[in-house]
N, C-alpha and C. Protein backbone atom coordinates (compact mmCIF):
# COMPACT_ATOMS: atom_id res chain seq x y z
N MET A 1 -71.83 48.14 -26.92
CA MET A 1 -70.45 47.62 -26.67
C MET A 1 -69.52 48.58 -25.69
N ARG A 2 -70.14 47.76 -24.34
CA ARG A 2 -69.60 48.78 -23.25
C ARG A 2 -67.94 48.14 -23.27
N HIS A 3 -67.88 46.75 -23.39
CA HIS A 3 -66.10 46.45 -23.74
C HIS A 3 -65.05 47.22 -23.99
N THR A 4 -65.45 48.35 -25.76
CA THR A 4 -64.91 48.81 -26.23
C THR A 4 -64.28 50.87 -25.66
N LEU A 5 -64.51 50.36 -24.52
CA LEU A 5 -64.82 51.60 -23.73
C LEU A 5 -63.63 51.53 -22.46
N ARG A 6 -62.98 52.79 -22.18
CA ARG A 6 -61.92 52.58 -21.30
C ARG A 6 -62.42 54.12 -20.79
N ALA A 7 -61.69 54.09 -19.38
CA ALA A 7 -61.21 54.88 -18.01
C ALA A 7 -60.40 55.49 -19.09
N ILE A 8 -60.50 57.37 -18.53
CA ILE A 8 -59.00 57.84 -18.63
C ILE A 8 -58.53 58.96 -17.86
N ASP A 9 -57.21 59.07 -17.19
CA ASP A 9 -57.11 59.16 -16.18
C ASP A 9 -57.65 61.17 -16.27
N GLY A 10 -57.25 61.13 -15.63
CA GLY A 10 -57.57 62.93 -14.81
C GLY A 10 -57.20 63.72 -15.35
N GLU A 11 -56.33 63.99 -16.25
CA GLU A 11 -55.59 65.20 -16.94
C GLU A 11 -55.84 65.94 -18.11
N ASP A 12 -55.75 66.84 -17.32
CA ASP A 12 -56.53 68.09 -17.52
C ASP A 12 -56.53 68.20 -19.44
N GLU A 13 -55.49 67.94 -19.52
CA GLU A 13 -55.31 68.60 -20.90
C GLU A 13 -55.55 67.72 -21.82
N THR A 14 -55.73 66.07 -21.76
CA THR A 14 -56.77 64.82 -22.51
C THR A 14 -58.21 65.30 -22.41
N ILE A 15 -58.81 65.22 -21.49
CA ILE A 15 -60.41 66.23 -21.22
C ILE A 15 -59.99 67.08 -22.23
N ALA A 16 -59.04 68.43 -21.58
CA ALA A 16 -59.16 69.85 -22.61
C ALA A 16 -59.65 69.21 -24.27
N GLU A 17 -58.63 68.17 -24.94
CA GLU A 17 -58.16 68.09 -25.91
C GLU A 17 -60.20 67.13 -25.97
N LEU A 18 -60.65 66.59 -25.81
CA LEU A 18 -61.75 65.22 -25.86
C LEU A 18 -63.01 66.12 -25.68
N GLU A 19 -62.39 67.50 -25.11
CA GLU A 19 -63.65 68.45 -25.41
C GLU A 19 -63.87 69.30 -26.66
N MET A 20 -63.01 69.75 -27.03
CA MET A 20 -63.20 70.51 -27.91
C MET A 20 -63.50 69.31 -29.59
N ILE A 21 -62.50 68.63 -29.49
CA ILE A 21 -63.35 67.00 -30.46
C ILE A 21 -64.58 66.49 -30.59
N VAL A 22 -65.44 67.18 -28.90
CA VAL A 22 -66.61 66.54 -29.18
C VAL A 22 -67.14 67.93 -29.55
N GLY A 23 -66.69 68.98 -29.33
CA GLY A 23 -67.62 70.08 -29.58
C GLY A 23 -68.03 70.03 -31.71
N PHE A 24 -66.32 69.99 -31.58
CA PHE A 24 -66.20 70.44 -32.81
C PHE A 24 -67.21 69.09 -34.16
N TYR A 25 -67.63 68.51 -33.69
CA TYR A 25 -68.10 66.90 -33.21
C TYR A 25 -69.91 67.68 -33.74
N ASP A 26 -69.81 68.54 -32.82
CA ASP A 26 -71.25 69.15 -32.27
C ASP A 26 -71.24 70.29 -33.52
N ASP A 27 -70.61 70.50 -33.32
CA ASP A 27 -70.98 72.15 -34.15
C ASP A 27 -71.24 71.59 -36.01
N LEU A 28 -70.50 70.19 -35.95
CA LEU A 28 -70.59 69.74 -37.87
C LEU A 28 -71.78 69.33 -37.41
N ALA A 29 -72.26 68.53 -36.43
CA ALA A 29 -73.54 68.16 -36.86
C ALA A 29 -74.08 69.19 -36.96
N GLY A 30 -74.56 69.94 -35.85
CA GLY A 30 -75.91 70.80 -36.19
C GLY A 30 -75.34 71.68 -37.11
N GLU A 31 -74.07 72.26 -38.61
CA GLU A 31 -74.28 72.91 -39.34
C GLU A 31 -74.53 71.37 -40.53
N ALA A 32 -74.89 69.97 -40.66
CA ALA A 32 -75.54 69.39 -41.15
C ALA A 32 -77.22 69.76 -41.20
N THR A 33 -77.56 69.38 -39.95
CA THR A 33 -78.73 69.86 -40.10
C THR A 33 -79.82 71.54 -40.21
N ARG A 34 -79.01 72.74 -40.72
CA ARG A 34 -79.11 73.16 -40.75
C ARG A 34 -79.15 73.25 -41.99
N VAL A 35 -77.64 72.28 -43.43
CA VAL A 35 -78.53 72.30 -44.41
C VAL A 35 -79.12 71.83 -44.57
N ALA A 36 -78.92 70.36 -43.95
CA ALA A 36 -80.62 69.44 -44.71
C ALA A 36 -82.35 70.23 -44.77
N ASN A 37 -81.64 70.74 -43.22
CA ASN A 37 -83.30 71.89 -43.26
C ASN A 37 -83.46 72.87 -44.03
N ARG A 38 -82.45 73.73 -44.37
CA ARG A 38 -82.07 74.91 -45.71
C ARG A 38 -82.66 74.17 -46.96
N LEU A 39 -81.90 73.42 -47.62
CA LEU A 39 -82.76 72.18 -48.64
C LEU A 39 -83.95 72.19 -48.89
N HIS A 40 -84.85 71.32 -47.50
CA HIS A 40 -85.89 71.04 -47.42
C HIS A 40 -86.81 72.11 -47.71
N GLY A 41 -86.49 73.45 -47.03
CA GLY A 41 -87.01 74.72 -47.34
C GLY A 41 -87.24 75.18 -48.56
N LEU A 42 -86.29 74.93 -49.05
CA LEU A 42 -85.76 75.44 -50.59
C LEU A 42 -86.46 75.02 -51.95
N LEU A 43 -86.99 73.54 -51.62
CA LEU A 43 -87.16 71.77 -52.30
C LEU A 43 -89.08 72.82 -52.16
N THR A 44 -88.95 72.72 -50.83
CA THR A 44 -90.69 72.16 -50.95
C THR A 44 -91.74 74.21 -51.43
N GLN A 45 -90.37 75.32 -51.94
CA GLN A 45 -90.96 76.62 -52.27
C GLN A 45 -91.16 75.61 -53.85
N ILE A 46 -89.82 74.72 -54.69
CA ILE A 46 -90.72 73.79 -56.02
C ILE A 46 -91.20 74.24 -55.92
N HIS A 47 -91.61 72.72 -54.76
CA HIS A 47 -92.58 71.65 -55.61
C HIS A 47 -93.29 71.35 -54.14
N PRO A 48 -94.56 71.42 -53.67
CA PRO A 48 -94.63 71.72 -52.64
C PRO A 48 -95.71 70.22 -52.29
């Protein structure tokens, strides 16, 4: 879906905001993976 992408200006503030949002998303994705792995580990202890 290349037509939905557009170039952004090189404004430092905009780039910093986008990097913060992406970093927040990465943190949430990592936390979701950790929770799923923890749940999987606990469930396999109860019923392999």
